[in-house]
Amino acid sequence: DLVLLDTTPSTQLEARGGLANTLYLTDHQTATYGRFGRKYYA
């Protein structure tokens, strides 16, 4: 499946609580994080 999101805090968080072999996709995030938990510009 592919889950399209109008906006989300983080697709990473969506996927962590989601189903296997599923892609979560958006063009707008509000609470991004990368390596070491660092926020990045979205």
All heavy atoms as atom14 arrays in JSON, in Angstrom:
{
  "sequence": "DLVLLDTTPSTQLEARGGLANTLYLTDHQTATYGRFGRKYYA",
  "atom14_mask": [
    [1, 1, 1, 1, 1, 1, 1, 1, 0, 0, 0, 0, 0, 0],
    [1, 1, 1, 1, 1, 1, 1, 1, 0, 0, 0, 0, 0, 0],
    [1, 1, 1, 1, 1, 1, 1, 0, 0, 0, 0, 0, 0, 0],
    [1, 1, 1, 1, 1, 1, 1, 1, 0, 0, 0, 0, 0, 0],
    [1, 1, 1, 1, 1, 1, 1, 1, 0, 0, 0, 0, 0, 0],
    [1, 1, 1, 1, 1, 1, 1, 1, 0, 0, 0, 0, 0, 0],
    [1, 1, 1, 1, 1, 1, 1, 0, 0, 0, 0, 0, 0, 0],
    [1, 1, 1, 1, 1, 1, 1, 0, 0, 0, 0, 0, 0, 0],
    [1, 1, 1, 1, 1, 1, 1, 0, 0, 0, 0, 0, 0, 0],
    [1, 1, 1, 1, 1, 1, 0, 0, 0, 0, 0, 0, 0, 0],
    [1, 1, 1, 1, 1, 1, 1, 0, 0, 0, 0, 0, 0, 0],
    [1, 1, 1, 1, 1, 1, 1, 1, 1, 0, 0, 0, 0, 0],
    [1, 1, 1, 1, 1, 1, 1, 1, 0, 0, 0, 0, 0, 0],
    [1, 1, 1, 1, 1, 1, 1, 1, 1, 0, 0, 0, 0, 0],
    [1, 1, 1, 1, 1, 0, 0, 0, 0, 0, 0, 0, 0, 0],
    [1, 1, 1, 1, 1, 1, 1, 1, 1, 1, 1, 0, 0, 0],
    [1, 1, 1, 1, 0, 0, 0, 0, 0, 0, 0, 0, 0, 0],
    [1, 1, 1, 1, 0, 0, 0, 0, 0, 0, 0, 0, 0, 0],
    [1, 1, 1, 1, 1, 1, 1, 1, 0, 0, 0, 0, 0, 0],
    [1, 1, 1, 1, 1, 0, 0, 0, 0, 0, 0, 0, 0, 0],
    [1, 1, 1, 1, 1, 1, 1, 1, 0, 0, 0, 0, 0, 0],
    [1, 1, 1, 1, 1, 1, 1, 0, 0, 0, 0, 0, 0, 0],
    [1, 1, 1, 1, 1, 1, 1, 1, 0, 0, 0, 0, 0, 0],
    [1, 1, 1, 1, 1, 1, 1, 1, 1, 1, 1, 1, 0, 0],
    [1, 1, 1, 1, 1, 1, 1, 1, 0, 0, 0, 0, 0, 0],
    [1, 1, 1, 1, 1, 1, 1, 0, 0, 0, 0, 0, 0, 0],
    [1, 1, 1, 1, 1, 1, 1, 1, 0, 0, 0, 0, 0, 0],
    [1, 1, 1, 1, 1, 1, 1, 1, 1, 1, 0, 0, 0, 0],
    [1, 1, 1, 1, 1, 1, 1, 1, 1, 0, 0, 0, 0, 0],
    [1, 1, 1, 1, 1, 1, 1, 0, 0, 0, 0, 0, 0, 0],
    [1, 1, 1, 1, 1, 0, 0, 0, 0, 0, 0, 0, 0, 0],
    [1, 1, 1, 1, 1, 1, 1, 0, 0, 0, 0, 0, 0, 0],
    [1, 1, 1, 1, 1, 1, 1, 1, 1, 1, 1, 1, 0, 0],
    [1, 1, 1, 1, 0, 0, 0, 0, 0, 0, 0, 0, 0, 0],
    [1, 1, 1, 1, 1, 1, 1, 1, 1, 1, 1, 0, 0, 0],
    [1, 1, 1, 1, 1, 1, 1, 1, 1, 1, 1, 0, 0, 0],
    [1, 1, 1, 1, 0, 0, 0, 0, 0, 0, 0, 0, 0, 0],
    [1, 1, 1, 1, 1, 1, 1, 1, 1, 1, 1, 0, 0, 0],
    [1, 1, 1, 1, 1, 1, 1, 1, 1, 0, 0, 0, 0, 0],
    [1, 1, 1, 1, 1, 1, 1, 1, 1, 1, 1, 1, 0, 0],
    [1, 1, 1, 1, 1, 1, 1, 1, 1, 1, 1, 1, 0, 0],
    [1, 1, 1, 1, 1, 0, 0, 0, 0, 0, 0, 0, 0, 0]
  ],
  "atom14_positions": [
    [[0.84, -1.2, 0.0], [0.0, 0.0, 0.0], [0.87, 1.24, 0.0], [2.06, 1.19, 0.37], [-0.92, 0.02, 1.23], [-2.09, 1.0, 1.07], [-2.29, 1.52, -0.05], [-2.79, 1.25, 2.07], [0.0, 0.0, 0.0], [0.0, 0.0, 0.0], [0.0, 0.0, 0.0], [0.0, 0.0, 0.0], [0.0, 0.0, 0.0], [0.0, 0.0, 0.0]],
    [[0.3, 2.34, -0.42], [0.92, 3.66, -0.38], [-0.07, 4.6, 0.29], [-1.2, 4.78, -0.19], [1.25, 4.15, -1.79], [1.6, 5.63, -1.98], [2.8, 6.01, -1.13], [1.87, 5.93, -3.45], [0.0, 0.0, 0.0], [0.0, 0.0, 0.0], [0.0, 0.0, 0.0], [0.0, 0.0, 0.0], [0.0, 0.0, 0.0], [0.0, 0.0, 0.0]],
    [[0.34, 5.18, 1.4], [-0.53, 6.08, 2.16], [-0.11, 7.52, 1.87], [1.01, 7.93, 2.2], [-0.45, 5.79, 3.67], [-1.33, 6.77, 4.44], [-0.84, 4.34, 3.96], [0.0, 0.0, 0.0], [0.0, 0.0, 0.0], [0.0, 0.0, 0.0], [0.0, 0.0, 0.0], [0.0, 0.0, 0.0], [0.0, 0.0, 0.0], [0.0, 0.0, 0.0]],
    [[-1.01, 8.27, 1.24], [-0.75, 9.68, 0.92], [-1.28, 10.55, 2.04], [-2.44, 10.41, 2.45], [-1.41, 10.06, -0.4], [-0.94, 9.3, -1.65], [-1.74, 9.73, -2.86], [0.55, 9.54, -1.89], [0.0, 0.0, 0.0], [0.0, 0.0, 0.0], [0.0, 0.0, 0.0], [0.0, 0.0, 0.0], [0.0, 0.0, 0.0], [0.0, 0.0, 0.0]],
    [[-0.43, 11.46, 2.52], [-0.79, 12.31, 3.65], [-0.72, 13.78, 3.24], [0.29, 14.24, 2.69], [0.19, 12.06, 4.8], [0.26, 10.6, 5.29], [1.57, 10.33, 6.0], [-0.92, 10.3, 6.21], [0.0, 0.0, 0.0], [0.0, 0.0, 0.0], [0.0, 0.0, 0.0], [0.0, 0.0, 0.0], [0.0, 0.0, 0.0], [0.0, 0.0, 0.0]],
    [[-1.81, 14.52, 3.49], [-1.79, 15.96, 3.19], [-0.7, 16.64, 4.01], [0.02, 17.49, 3.52], [-3.15, 16.59, 3.5], [-4.21, 16.19, 2.49], [-3.84, 15.76, 1.37], [-5.4, 16.28, 2.82], [0.0, 0.0, 0.0], [0.0, 0.0, 0.0], [0.0, 0.0, 0.0], [0.0, 0.0, 0.0], [0.0, 0.0, 0.0], [0.0, 0.0, 0.0]],
    [[-0.63, 16.29, 5.27], [0.41, 16.8, 6.16], [0.57, 15.81, 7.3], [-0.35, 15.05, 7.61], [0.06, 18.2, 6.7], [1.16, 18.71, 7.47], [-1.17, 18.15, 7.58], [0.0, 0.0, 0.0], [0.0, 0.0, 0.0], [0.0, 0.0, 0.0], [0.0, 0.0, 0.0], [0.0, 0.0, 0.0], [0.0, 0.0, 0.0], [0.0, 0.0, 0.0]],
    [[1.73, 15.79, 7.92], [2.0, 14.89, 9.03], [3.16, 15.44, 9.83], [4.02, 16.14, 9.28], [2.34, 13.47, 8.53], [2.62, 12.63, 9.65], [3.56, 13.48, 7.63], [0.0, 0.0, 0.0], [0.0, 0.0, 0.0], [0.0, 0.0, 0.0], [0.0, 0.0, 0.0], [0.0, 0.0, 0.0], [0.0, 0.0, 0.0], [0.0, 0.0, 0.0]],
    [[3.21, 15.16, 11.12], [4.41, 15.54, 11.87], [5.66, 14.91, 11.26], [6.69, 15.55, 11.11], [4.13, 15.03, 13.28], [2.64, 15.02, 13.38], [2.17, 14.62, 12.02], [0.0, 0.0, 0.0], [0.0, 0.0, 0.0], [0.0, 0.0, 0.0], [0.0, 0.0, 0.0], [0.0, 0.0, 0.0], [0.0, 0.0, 0.0], [0.0, 0.0, 0.0]],
    [[5.57, 13.62, 10.9], [6.73, 12.91, 10.37], [6.28, 11.61, 9.7], [5.59, 10.8, 10.33], [7.72, 12.59, 11.49], [8.69, 11.66, 11.07], [0.0, 0.0, 0.0], [0.0, 0.0, 0.0], [0.0, 0.0, 0.0], [0.0, 0.0, 0.0], [0.0, 0.0, 0.0], [0.0, 0.0, 0.0], [0.0, 0.0, 0.0], [0.0, 0.0, 0.0]],
    [[6.69, 11.39, 8.45], [6.38, 10.11, 7.81], [7.1, 8.98, 8.52], [6.63, 7.83, 8.51], [6.79, 10.12, 6.33], [8.2, 10.4, 6.2], [5.99, 11.14, 5.54], [0.0, 0.0, 0.0], [0.0, 0.0, 0.0], [0.0, 0.0, 0.0], [0.0, 0.0, 0.0], [0.0, 0.0, 0.0], [0.0, 0.0, 0.0], [0.0, 0.0, 0.0]],
    [[8.23, 9.27, 9.16], [8.97, 8.24, 9.88], [8.12, 7.71, 11.04], [8.07, 6.5, 11.28], [10.3, 8.81, 10.39], [11.36, 7.77, 10.68], [12.0, 7.17, 9.45], [11.59, 7.41, 8.31], [13.04, 6.37, 9.67], [0.0, 0.0, 0.0], [0.0, 0.0, 0.0], [0.0, 0.0, 0.0], [0.0, 0.0, 0.0], [0.0, 0.0, 0.0]],
    [[7.45, 8.62, 11.74], [6.57, 8.2, 12.83], [5.36, 7.44, 12.3], [4.9, 6.48, 12.93], [6.13, 9.42, 13.64], [7.23, 10.15, 14.41], [6.67, 11.39, 15.09], [7.91, 9.23, 15.43], [0.0, 0.0, 0.0], [0.0, 0.0, 0.0], [0.0, 0.0, 0.0], [0.0, 0.0, 0.0], [0.0, 0.0, 0.0], [0.0, 0.0, 0.0]],
    [[4.83, 7.89, 11.16], [3.7, 7.18, 10.55], [4.08, 5.74, 10.23], [3.33, 4.79, 10.51], [3.26, 7.89, 9.27], [2.79, 9.32, 9.44], [1.35, 9.43, 9.91], [0.68, 8.38, 10.08], [0.89, 10.57, 10.12], [0.0, 0.0, 0.0], [0.0, 0.0, 0.0], [0.0, 0.0, 0.0], [0.0, 0.0, 0.0], [0.0, 0.0, 0.0]],
    [[5.28, 5.57, 9.64], [5.71, 4.24, 9.24], [6.01, 3.35, 10.45], [5.75, 2.14, 10.43], [6.95, 4.33, 8.34], [0.0, 0.0, 0.0], [0.0, 0.0, 0.0], [0.0, 0.0, 0.0], [0.0, 0.0, 0.0], [0.0, 0.0, 0.0], [0.0, 0.0, 0.0], [0.0, 0.0, 0.0], [0.0, 0.0, 0.0], [0.0, 0.0, 0.0]],
    [[6.54, 3.95, 11.51], [6.85, 3.18, 12.72], [5.58, 2.55, 13.3], [5.62, 1.44, 13.85], [7.51, 4.06, 13.77], [8.96, 4.39, 13.48], [9.54, 5.27, 14.57], [9.63, 4.58, 15.85], [10.68, 3.83, 16.22], [11.7, 3.69, 15.43], [10.68, 3.24, 17.4], [0.0, 0.0, 0.0], [0.0, 0.0, 0.0], [0.0, 0.0, 0.0]],
    [[4.48, 3.24, 13.19], [3.23, 2.71, 13.71], [2.36, 2.07, 12.65], [1.21, 1.73, 12.91], [0.0, 0.0, 0.0], [0.0, 0.0, 0.0], [0.0, 0.0, 0.0], [0.0, 0.0, 0.0], [0.0, 0.0, 0.0], [0.0, 0.0, 0.0], [0.0, 0.0, 0.0], [0.0, 0.0, 0.0], [0.0, 0.0, 0.0], [0.0, 0.0, 0.0]],
    [[2.93, 1.89, 11.46], [2.15, 1.39, 10.34], [2.4, -0.07, 10.0], [2.95, -0.83, 10.79], [0.0, 0.0, 0.0], [0.0, 0.0, 0.0], [0.0, 0.0, 0.0], [0.0, 0.0, 0.0], [0.0, 0.0, 0.0], [0.0, 0.0, 0.0], [0.0, 0.0, 0.0], [0.0, 0.0, 0.0], [0.0, 0.0, 0.0], [0.0, 0.0, 0.0]],
    [[1.99, -0.42, 8.78], [2.04, -1.8, 8.31], [3.3, -2.05, 7.49], [3.84, -1.15, 6.85], [0.8, -2.1, 7.48], [-0.55, -1.95, 8.2], [-1.69, -2.15, 7.22], [-0.64, -2.91, 9.37], [0.0, 0.0, 0.0], [0.0, 0.0, 0.0], [0.0, 0.0, 0.0], [0.0, 0.0, 0.0], [0.0, 0.0, 0.0], [0.0, 0.0, 0.0]],
    [[3.74, -3.3, 7.47], [4.91, -3.68, 6.7], [4.64, -3.54, 5.2], [3.5, -3.65, 4.74], [5.31, -5.12, 7.03], [0.0, 0.0, 0.0], [0.0, 0.0, 0.0], [0.0, 0.0, 0.0], [0.0, 0.0, 0.0], [0.0, 0.0, 0.0], [0.0, 0.0, 0.0], [0.0, 0.0, 0.0], [0.0, 0.0, 0.0], [0.0, 0.0, 0.0]],
    [[5.71, -3.27, 4.45], [5.65, -3.12, 2.99], [4.67, -2.03, 2.58], [3.95, -2.16, 1.59], [5.29, -4.45, 2.32], [6.35, -5.5, 2.56], [7.55, -5.22, 2.51], [5.92, -6.71, 2.84], [0.0, 0.0, 0.0], [0.0, 0.0, 0.0], [0.0, 0.0, 0.0], [0.0, 0.0, 0.0], [0.0, 0.0, 0.0], [0.0, 0.0, 0.0]],
    [[4.66, -0.96, 3.38], [3.78, 0.18, 3.12], [4.63, 1.45, 3.09], [5.51, 1.63, 3.93], [2.68, 0.3, 4.19], [1.89, -0.89, 4.17], [1.79, 1.51, 3.93], [0.0, 0.0, 0.0], [0.0, 0.0, 0.0], [0.0, 0.0, 0.0], [0.0, 0.0, 0.0], [0.0, 0.0, 0.0], [0.0, 0.0, 0.0], [0.0, 0.0, 0.0]],
    [[4.37, 2.31, 2.11], [5.08, 3.58, 1.96], [4.17, 4.72, 2.4], [3.01, 4.79, 1.98], [5.5, 3.77, 0.5], [6.25, 5.06, 0.16], [7.6, 5.11, 0.88], [6.45, 5.19, -1.35], [0.0, 0.0, 0.0], [0.0, 0.0, 0.0], [0.0, 0.0, 0.0], [0.0, 0.0, 0.0], [0.0, 0.0, 0.0], [0.0, 0.0, 0.0]],
    [[4.71, 5.62, 3.23], [3.98, 6.8, 3.7], [4.63, 8.02, 3.06], [5.84, 8.21, 3.14], [4.04, 6.86, 5.23], [3.34, 5.67, 5.86], [4.01, 4.44, 6.0], [2.03, 5.75, 6.28], [3.36, 3.34, 6.54], [1.38, 4.65, 6.83], [2.05, 3.44, 6.96], [1.41, 2.35, 7.48], [0.0, 0.0, 0.0], [0.0, 0.0, 0.0]],
    [[3.8, 8.87, 2.44], [4.32, 9.91, 1.56], [3.57, 11.23, 1.76], [2.35, 11.25, 1.85], [4.17, 9.44, 0.1], [4.48, 10.41, -1.03], [5.95, 10.83, -1.01], [4.13, 9.76, -2.36], [0.0, 0.0, 0.0], [0.0, 0.0, 0.0], [0.0, 0.0, 0.0], [0.0, 0.0, 0.0], [0.0, 0.0, 0.0], [0.0, 0.0, 0.0]],
    [[4.33, 12.33, 1.8], [3.73, 13.66, 1.9], [4.67, 14.68, 1.29], [5.83, 14.38, 0.99], [3.44, 14.02, 3.37], [2.66, 15.22, 3.44], [4.74, 14.24, 4.15], [0.0, 0.0, 0.0], [0.0, 0.0, 0.0], [0.0, 0.0, 0.0], [0.0, 0.0, 0.0], [0.0, 0.0, 0.0], [0.0, 0.0, 0.0], [0.0, 0.0, 0.0]],
    [[4.17, 15.9, 1.12], [5.04, 17.01, 0.73], [5.11, 18.06, 1.83], [5.66, 19.13, 1.65], [4.58, 17.65, -0.58], [3.22, 18.32, -0.48], [2.52, 18.17, 0.56], [2.83, 19.01, -1.45], [0.0, 0.0, 0.0], [0.0, 0.0, 0.0], [0.0, 0.0, 0.0], [0.0, 0.0, 0.0], [0.0, 0.0, 0.0], [0.0, 0.0, 0.0]],
    [[4.55, 17.7, 3.02], [4.54, 18.68, 4.12], [4.65, 17.98, 5.47], [3.77, 17.21, 5.85], [3.25, 19.51, 4.08], [3.25, 20.63, 5.07], [2.21, 20.85, 5.94], [4.18, 21.58, 5.35], [2.49, 21.9, 6.7], [3.68, 22.35, 6.37], [0.0, 0.0, 0.0], [0.0, 0.0, 0.0], [0.0, 0.0, 0.0], [0.0, 0.0, 0.0]],
    [[5.76, 18.22, 6.17], [5.98, 17.68, 7.5], [6.15, 18.82, 8.49], [6.68, 19.87, 8.14], [7.23, 16.79, 7.54], [7.13, 15.52, 6.74], [8.28, 14.57, 7.05], [8.06, 13.45, 7.5], [9.5, 14.99, 6.79], [0.0, 0.0, 0.0], [0.0, 0.0, 0.0], [0.0, 0.0, 0.0], [0.0, 0.0, 0.0], [0.0, 0.0, 0.0]],
    [[5.74, 18.57, 9.73], [5.8, 19.63, 10.74], [6.73, 19.32, 11.9], [7.02, 20.2, 12.71], [4.39, 19.91, 11.3], [3.87, 18.69, 11.88], [3.45, 20.38, 10.19], [0.0, 0.0, 0.0], [0.0, 0.0, 0.0], [0.0, 0.0, 0.0], [0.0, 0.0, 0.0], [0.0, 0.0, 0.0], [0.0, 0.0, 0.0], [0.0, 0.0, 0.0]],
    [[7.18, 18.06, 12.02], [8.06, 17.69, 13.15], [9.12, 16.72, 12.65], [9.2, 15.57, 13.08], [7.25, 17.08, 14.29], [0.0, 0.0, 0.0], [0.0, 0.0, 0.0], [0.0, 0.0, 0.0], [0.0, 0.0, 0.0], [0.0, 0.0, 0.0], [0.0, 0.0, 0.0], [0.0, 0.0, 0.0], [0.0, 0.0, 0.0], [0.0, 0.0, 0.0]],
    [[9.94, 17.2, 11.75], [10.94, 16.35, 11.11], [12.05, 15.97, 12.09], [12.34, 16.68, 13.04], [11.58, 17.08, 9.93], [12.24, 18.26, 10.42], [10.55, 17.48, 8.91], [0.0, 0.0, 0.0], [0.0, 0.0, 0.0], [0.0, 0.0, 0.0], [0.0, 0.0, 0.0], [0.0, 0.0, 0.0], [0.0, 0.0, 0.0], [0.0, 0.0, 0.0]],
    [[12.66, 14.82, 11.81], [13.89, 14.47, 12.53], [14.72, 13.55, 11.67], [14.2, 12.77, 10.86], [13.6, 13.83, 13.89], [13.04, 12.42, 13.83], [13.88, 11.3, 13.89], [11.68, 12.2, 13.75], [13.38, 10.02, 13.85], [11.16, 10.91, 13.73], [12.01, 9.83, 13.78], [11.51, 8.56, 13.74], [0.0, 0.0, 0.0], [0.0, 0.0, 0.0]],
    [[16.06, 13.67, 11.82], [16.99, 12.84, 11.08], [17.9, 12.09, 12.02], [17.51, 11.73, 13.14], [0.0, 0.0, 0.0], [0.0, 0.0, 0.0], [0.0, 0.0, 0.0], [0.0, 0.0, 0.0], [0.0, 0.0, 0.0], [0.0, 0.0, 0.0], [0.0, 0.0, 0.0], [0.0, 0.0, 0.0], [0.0, 0.0, 0.0], [0.0, 0.0, 0.0]],
    [[19.14, 11.86, 11.59], [20.09, 11.15, 12.44], [20.32, 11.9, 13.74], [20.32, 13.13, 13.78], [21.43, 11.0, 11.71], [21.46, 9.86, 10.72], [22.89, 9.4, 10.45], [23.79, 10.5, 10.16], [25.09, 10.48, 10.41], [25.65, 9.44, 10.99], [25.85, 11.51, 10.08], [0.0, 0.0, 0.0], [0.0, 0.0, 0.0], [0.0, 0.0, 0.0]],
    [[20.49, 11.14, 14.82], [20.72, 11.67, 16.17], [19.54, 12.52, 16.65], [19.69, 13.33, 17.55], [22.02, 12.48, 16.23], [23.2, 11.78, 15.62], [23.84, 12.3, 14.51], [23.66, 10.58, 16.15], [24.92, 11.65, 13.94], [24.74, 9.92, 15.58], [25.38, 10.45, 14.48], [0.0, 0.0, 0.0], [0.0, 0.0, 0.0], [0.0, 0.0, 0.0]],
    [[18.35, 12.35, 16.0], [17.17, 13.09, 16.4], [17.16, 14.55, 16.0], [16.32, 15.33, 16.45], [0.0, 0.0, 0.0], [0.0, 0.0, 0.0], [0.0, 0.0, 0.0], [0.0, 0.0, 0.0], [0.0, 0.0, 0.0], [0.0, 0.0, 0.0], [0.0, 0.0, 0.0], [0.0, 0.0, 0.0], [0.0, 0.0, 0.0], [0.0, 0.0, 0.0]],
    [[18.09, 14.95, 15.13], [18.18, 16.35, 14.74], [17.03, 16.74, 13.82], [16.7, 16.03, 12.88], [19.51, 16.61, 14.02], [20.75, 16.38, 14.85], [21.97, 16.91, 14.11], [23.2, 16.54, 14.77], [24.09, 15.69, 14.28], [23.87, 15.11, 13.12], [25.2, 15.42, 14.94], [0.0, 0.0, 0.0], [0.0, 0.0, 0.0], [0.0, 0.0, 0.0]],
    [[16.46, 17.91, 14.08], [15.44, 18.45, 13.19], [16.07, 18.94, 11.91], [17.2, 19.44, 11.91], [14.71, 19.62, 13.88], [13.55, 20.17, 13.08], [12.8, 21.24, 13.86], [11.63, 21.77, 13.04], [10.85, 22.81, 13.78], [0.0, 0.0, 0.0], [0.0, 0.0, 0.0], [0.0, 0.0, 0.0], [0.0, 0.0, 0.0], [0.0, 0.0, 0.0]],
    [[15.38, 18.74, 10.77], [15.89, 19.26, 9.51], [14.82, 20.1, 8.82], [13.64, 20.0, 9.13], [16.39, 18.13, 8.6], [15.32, 17.18, 8.09], [14.57, 17.46, 6.96], [15.05, 15.98, 8.76], [13.61, 16.59, 6.49], [14.08, 15.11, 8.31], [13.36, 15.42, 7.17], [12.39, 14.57, 6.72], [0.0, 0.0, 0.0], [0.0, 0.0, 0.0]],
    [[15.27, 20.93, 7.89], [14.36, 21.86, 7.22], [13.47, 21.12, 6.23], [13.95, 20.37, 5.38], [15.17, 22.93, 6.48], [14.31, 23.88, 5.67], [13.48, 24.81, 6.29], [14.33, 23.84, 4.28], [12.69, 25.66, 5.56], [13.56, 24.7, 3.52], [12.73, 25.61, 4.17], [11.95, 26.47, 3.43], [0.0, 0.0, 0.0], [0.0, 0.0, 0.0]],
    [[12.17, 21.34, 6.33], [11.2, 20.79, 5.39], [10.36, 21.95, 4.87], [9.64, 22.6, 5.63], [10.31, 19.75, 6.06], [0.0, 0.0, 0.0], [0.0, 0.0, 0.0], [0.0, 0.0, 0.0], [0.0, 0.0, 0.0], [0.0, 0.0, 0.0], [0.0, 0.0, 0.0], [0.0, 0.0, 0.0], [0.0, 0.0, 0.0], [0.0, 0.0, 0.0]]
  ]
}
